[in-house]
Amino acid sequence: MKVNNFFKRFLSVKFLLGLLIGGALGYAYYHFVGCRGGSCPMWANPWRSTLIGMAFGGILLFDTSKKQDKPKADQEPL
């Protein structure tokens, strides 16, 4: 895999949108549901819950599909 293709997939609009939506949902979970007493360290901190939400959103919307090579006009498709 070429480095340039990796960065194109890593910085795709779909992935960045996943980070943004995931971060917003992570913070919303902290704000509305969260851990009030601080007994659960994962959701008791707004920064940590936002980062965890961003990680979930990025994982869900990361593009893992490979580009298919188009057959040339003089070749028959497989």
C-alpha atoms as a PDB file:
ATOM      1  CA  MET A   1       0.000   0.000   0.000  1.00  0.00           C
ATOM      2  CA  LYS A   2       1.349   3.382  -0.930  1.00  0.00           C
ATOM      3  CA  VAL A   3       1.674   6.045   1.738  1.00  0.00           C
ATOM      4  CA  ASN A   4      -0.286   8.544  -0.336  1.00  0.00           C
ATOM      5  CA  ASN A   5      -3.294   6.205  -0.590  1.00  0.00           C
ATOM      6  CA  PHE A   6      -3.177   5.618   3.170  1.00  0.00           C
ATOM      7  CA  PHE A   7      -3.400   9.336   3.885  1.00  0.00           C
ATOM      8  CA  LYS A   8      -6.216   9.755   1.373  1.00  0.00           C
ATOM      9  CA  ARG A   9      -8.251   7.100   3.188  1.00  0.00           C
ATOM     10  CA  PHE A  10      -7.209   8.347   6.632  1.00  0.00           C
ATOM     11  CA  LEU A  11      -8.174  11.941   5.920  1.00  0.00           C
ATOM     12  CA  SER A  12     -11.335  11.209   3.966  1.00  0.00           C
ATOM     13  CA  VAL A  13     -14.478  13.236   4.550  1.00  0.00           C
ATOM     14  CA  LYS A  14     -16.286  10.152   5.797  1.00  0.00           C
ATOM     15  CA  PHE A  15     -13.652   9.481   8.466  1.00  0.00           C
ATOM     16  CA  LEU A  16     -13.497  13.111   9.606  1.00  0.00           C
ATOM     17  CA  LEU A  17     -17.285  13.214   9.789  1.00  0.00           C
ATOM     18  CA  GLY A  18     -17.156  10.089  11.972  1.00  0.00           C
ATOM     19  CA  LEU A  19     -14.707  11.821  14.310  1.00  0.00           C
ATOM     20  CA  LEU A  20     -16.889  14.909  14.552  1.00  0.00           C
ATOM     21  CA  ILE A  21     -20.171  13.084  15.131  1.00  0.00           C
ATOM     22  CA  GLY A  22     -18.556  10.574  17.507  1.00  0.00           C
ATOM     23  CA  GLY A  23     -17.002  13.361  19.564  1.00  0.00           C
ATOM     24  CA  ALA A  24     -20.301  15.206  19.783  1.00  0.00           C
ATOM     25  CA  LEU A  25     -22.130  12.047  20.846  1.00  0.00           C
ATOM     26  CA  GLY A  26     -19.427  11.228  23.401  1.00  0.00           C
ATOM     27  CA  TYR A  27     -19.746  14.656  24.975  1.00  0.00           C
ATOM     28  CA  ALA A  28     -23.542  14.451  24.862  1.00  0.00           C
ATOM     29  CA  TYR A  29     -23.375  11.126  26.693  1.00  0.00           C
ATOM     30  CA  TYR A  30     -21.176  12.729  29.368  1.00  0.00           C
ATOM     31  CA  HIS A  31     -23.493  15.708  29.695  1.00  0.00           C
ATOM     32  CA  PHE A  32     -26.860  13.937  29.782  1.00  0.00           C
ATOM     33  CA  VAL A  33     -26.110  10.456  31.157  1.00  0.00           C
ATOM     34  CA  GLY A  34     -22.526  10.478  32.459  1.00  0.00           C
ATOM     35  CA  CYS A  35     -21.259   9.348  35.799  1.00  0.00           C
ATOM     36  CA  ARG A  36     -22.228  11.899  38.430  1.00  0.00           C
ATOM     37  CA  GLY A  37     -20.310  10.375  41.325  1.00  0.00           C
ATOM     38  CA  GLY A  38     -17.106   9.834  39.368  1.00  0.00           C
ATOM     39  CA  SER A  39     -17.085   6.102  40.028  1.00  0.00           C
ATOM     40  CA  CYS A  40     -16.707   5.223  36.347  1.00  0.00           C
ATOM     41  CA  PRO A  41     -13.522   6.852  35.038  1.00  0.00           C
ATOM     42  CA  MET A  42     -14.393   6.378  31.370  1.00  0.00           C
ATOM     43  CA  TRP A  43     -17.392   8.743  31.316  1.00  0.00           C
ATOM     44  CA  ALA A  44     -16.707  10.982  34.343  1.00  0.00           C
ATOM     45  CA  ASN A  45     -14.378  13.317  32.437  1.00  0.00           C
ATOM     46  CA  PRO A  46     -15.715  15.365  29.471  1.00  0.00           C
ATOM     47  CA  TRP A  47     -12.389  15.247  27.600  1.00  0.00           C
ATOM     48  CA  ARG A  48     -12.080  11.494  27.953  1.00  0.00           C
ATOM     49  CA  SER A  49     -15.680  10.837  26.910  1.00  0.00           C
ATOM     50  CA  THR A  50     -15.260  13.070  23.857  1.00  0.00           C
ATOM     51  CA  LEU A  51     -12.065  11.267  22.821  1.00  0.00           C
ATOM     52  CA  ILE A  52     -13.676   7.860  23.292  1.00  0.00           C
ATOM     53  CA  GLY A  53     -16.664   8.978  21.208  1.00  0.00           C
ATOM     54  CA  MET A  54     -14.292  10.215  18.498  1.00  0.00           C
ATOM     55  CA  ALA A  55     -12.494   6.867  18.492  1.00  0.00           C
ATOM     56  CA  PHE A  56     -15.779   4.955  18.139  1.00  0.00           C
ATOM     57  CA  GLY A  57     -16.982   7.246  15.340  1.00  0.00           C
ATOM     58  CA  GLY A  58     -13.660   7.042  13.512  1.00  0.00           C
ATOM     59  CA  ILE A  59     -13.598   3.261  13.722  1.00  0.00           C
ATOM     60  CA  LEU A  60     -17.161   2.952  12.478  1.00  0.00           C
ATOM     61  CA  LEU A  61     -16.691   5.206   9.465  1.00  0.00           C
ATOM     62  CA  PHE A  62     -13.082   4.386   8.490  1.00  0.00           C
ATOM     63  CA  ASP A  63     -12.951   3.415   4.827  1.00  0.00           C
ATOM     64  CA  THR A  64     -11.568  -0.125   4.531  1.00  0.00           C
ATOM     65  CA  SER A  65     -12.695  -0.836   0.971  1.00  0.00           C
ATOM     66  CA  LYS A  66     -10.046  -1.340  -1.678  1.00  0.00           C
ATOM     67  CA  LYS A  67     -10.221   0.379  -5.019  1.00  0.00           C
ATOM     68  CA  GLN A  68     -11.086  -2.011  -7.849  1.00  0.00           C
ATOM     69  CA  ASP A  69      -9.063  -1.689 -11.011  1.00  0.00           C
ATOM     70  CA  LYS A  70     -11.260  -1.057 -14.014  1.00  0.00           C
ATOM     71  CA  PRO A  71     -10.685  -3.446 -16.926  1.00  0.00           C
ATOM     72  CA  LYS A  72      -9.278  -1.859 -20.043  1.00  0.00           C
ATOM     73  CA  ALA A  73     -11.444  -1.559 -23.148  1.00  0.00           C
ATOM     74  CA  ASP A  74      -9.514  -4.233 -25.071  1.00  0.00           C
ATOM     75  CA  GLN A  75      -9.694  -6.775 -22.195  1.00  0.00           C
ATOM     76  CA  GLU A  76     -12.723  -8.789 -21.199  1.00  0.00           C
ATOM     77  CA  PRO A  77     -13.923  -8.480 -17.601  1.00  0.00           C
ATOM     78  CA  LEU A  78     -13.229 -11.465 -15.368  1.00  0.00           C
END
